[in-house]
Amino acid sequence: MSNYSTLQRNTLAGLSETAGALYLTLLDVFQGHTRDGERKAFLAACDYDKQVGSTLDRILRHMPGAPGPMVHAQLSAFFADRWRYNFMPLVKAQ
């Protein structure tokens, strides 16, 4: 996590793990296409967190036989990617 900017680290601290995975992915997607890519990535991650991210994160942390940190991170990345591919509009180059 040390290779992230202070803004990115603070943003990740305020998001669920699944929303954080989505945020990091969207930074790469939006950064090359728009001038305000970081803002768009943050807003999309917040929308995701509000709709499903915090619930998924809570389930993964508190379910019986909860996965370890490595599996939790992999599941978070998987759910974030599924959300991005299934529910977000396509990102077009500008």
Protein backbone atom coordinates (compact mmCIF):
# COMPACT_ATOMS: atom_id res chain seq x y z
CA MET A 1 0.00 0.00 0.00
CA SER A 2 3.01 2.29 0.29
CA ASN A 3 3.05 2.95 -3.47
CA TYR A 4 -0.31 4.79 -3.30
CA SER A 5 -0.61 8.54 -2.86
CA THR A 6 -1.81 9.96 0.44
CA LEU A 7 -5.18 10.73 -1.15
CA GLN A 8 -5.52 7.16 -2.40
CA ARG A 9 -4.57 5.68 0.99
CA ASN A 10 -7.08 7.93 2.78
CA THR A 11 -9.78 7.04 0.24
CA LEU A 12 -9.15 3.32 0.67
CA ALA A 13 -9.36 3.71 4.45
CA GLY A 14 -12.91 5.05 4.08
CA LEU A 15 -14.22 2.36 1.74
CA SER A 16 -15.11 -1.29 2.28
CA GLU A 17 -12.56 -3.73 0.94
CA THR A 18 -14.68 -4.57 -2.10
CA ALA A 19 -15.24 -0.88 -2.90
CA GLY A 20 -11.52 -0.27 -2.45
CA ALA A 21 -10.75 -2.96 -5.02
CA LEU A 22 -13.22 -1.33 -7.42
CA TYR A 23 -11.72 2.11 -6.76
CA LEU A 24 -8.19 0.92 -7.59
CA THR A 25 -9.37 -0.77 -10.77
CA LEU A 26 -11.31 2.30 -11.88
CA LEU A 27 -8.33 4.57 -11.25
CA ASP A 28 -6.55 2.70 -14.03
CA VAL A 29 -9.64 2.68 -16.26
CA PHE A 30 -10.55 6.37 -15.88
CA GLN A 31 -7.12 7.95 -15.50
CA GLY A 32 -6.13 7.65 -19.14
CA HIS A 33 -9.52 8.70 -20.49
CA THR A 34 -10.61 11.68 -18.41
CA ARG A 35 -9.08 14.59 -16.56
CA ASP A 36 -11.08 13.91 -13.43
CA GLY A 37 -10.54 10.14 -13.37
CA GLU A 38 -9.81 9.99 -9.65
CA ARG A 39 -13.08 11.75 -8.82
CA LYS A 40 -15.07 9.45 -11.10
CA ALA A 41 -13.41 6.38 -9.60
CA PHE A 42 -14.22 7.60 -6.09
CA LEU A 43 -17.86 8.37 -6.88
CA ALA A 44 -18.37 5.01 -8.58
CA ALA A 45 -16.78 3.20 -5.60
CA CYS A 46 -19.02 5.15 -3.19
CA ASP A 47 -22.11 4.22 -5.20
CA TYR A 48 -21.02 0.59 -5.17
CA ASP A 49 -20.36 0.72 -1.42
CA LYS A 50 -23.77 2.25 -0.77
CA GLN A 51 -25.57 -0.35 -2.89
CA VAL A 52 -23.74 -3.60 -2.11
CA GLY A 53 -20.09 -3.21 -1.11
CA SER A 54 -20.47 -2.65 2.61
CA THR A 55 -22.95 -5.54 2.87
CA LEU A 56 -20.65 -7.95 1.04
CA ASP A 57 -17.71 -6.85 3.16
CA ARG A 58 -19.68 -7.40 6.37
CA ILE A 59 -20.78 -10.86 5.25
CA LEU A 60 -17.24 -11.86 4.31
CA ARG A 61 -15.88 -10.68 7.67
CA HIS A 62 -18.56 -12.08 9.99
CA MET A 63 -19.85 -15.27 8.39
CA PRO A 64 -19.10 -18.60 10.06
CA GLY A 65 -15.78 -19.86 8.74
CA ALA A 66 -14.87 -16.43 7.39
CA PRO A 67 -12.05 -16.52 4.84
CA GLY A 68 -8.55 -15.40 5.72
CA PRO A 69 -7.19 -12.02 4.61
CA MET A 70 -5.74 -13.32 1.33
CA VAL A 71 -8.94 -15.08 0.26
CA HIS A 72 -10.98 -12.09 1.44
CA ALA A 73 -8.91 -9.78 -0.79
CA GLN A 74 -9.33 -12.14 -3.77
CA LEU A 75 -13.09 -12.37 -3.24
CA SER A 76 -13.30 -8.58 -2.90
CA ALA A 77 -11.49 -8.11 -6.20
CA PHE A 78 -13.76 -10.71 -7.84
CA PHE A 79 -16.98 -9.04 -6.62
CA ALA A 80 -15.72 -5.60 -7.63
CA ASP A 81 -14.88 -6.85 -11.14
CA ARG A 82 -18.26 -8.55 -11.49
CA TRP A 83 -19.96 -5.30 -10.48
CA ARG A 84 -17.88 -3.31 -12.95
CA TYR A 85 -18.58 -5.65 -15.87
CA ASN A 86 -22.25 -6.34 -15.12
CA PHE A 87 -23.68 -3.12 -13.68
CA MET A 88 -21.51 -0.17 -14.71
CA PRO A 89 -21.94 1.53 -18.07
CA LEU A 90 -19.15 1.01 -20.58
CA VAL A 91 -16.29 3.50 -20.34
CA LYS A 92 -15.51 5.09 -23.66
CA ALA A 93 -12.22 6.76 -24.53
CA GLN A 94 -12.51 10.53 -24.86
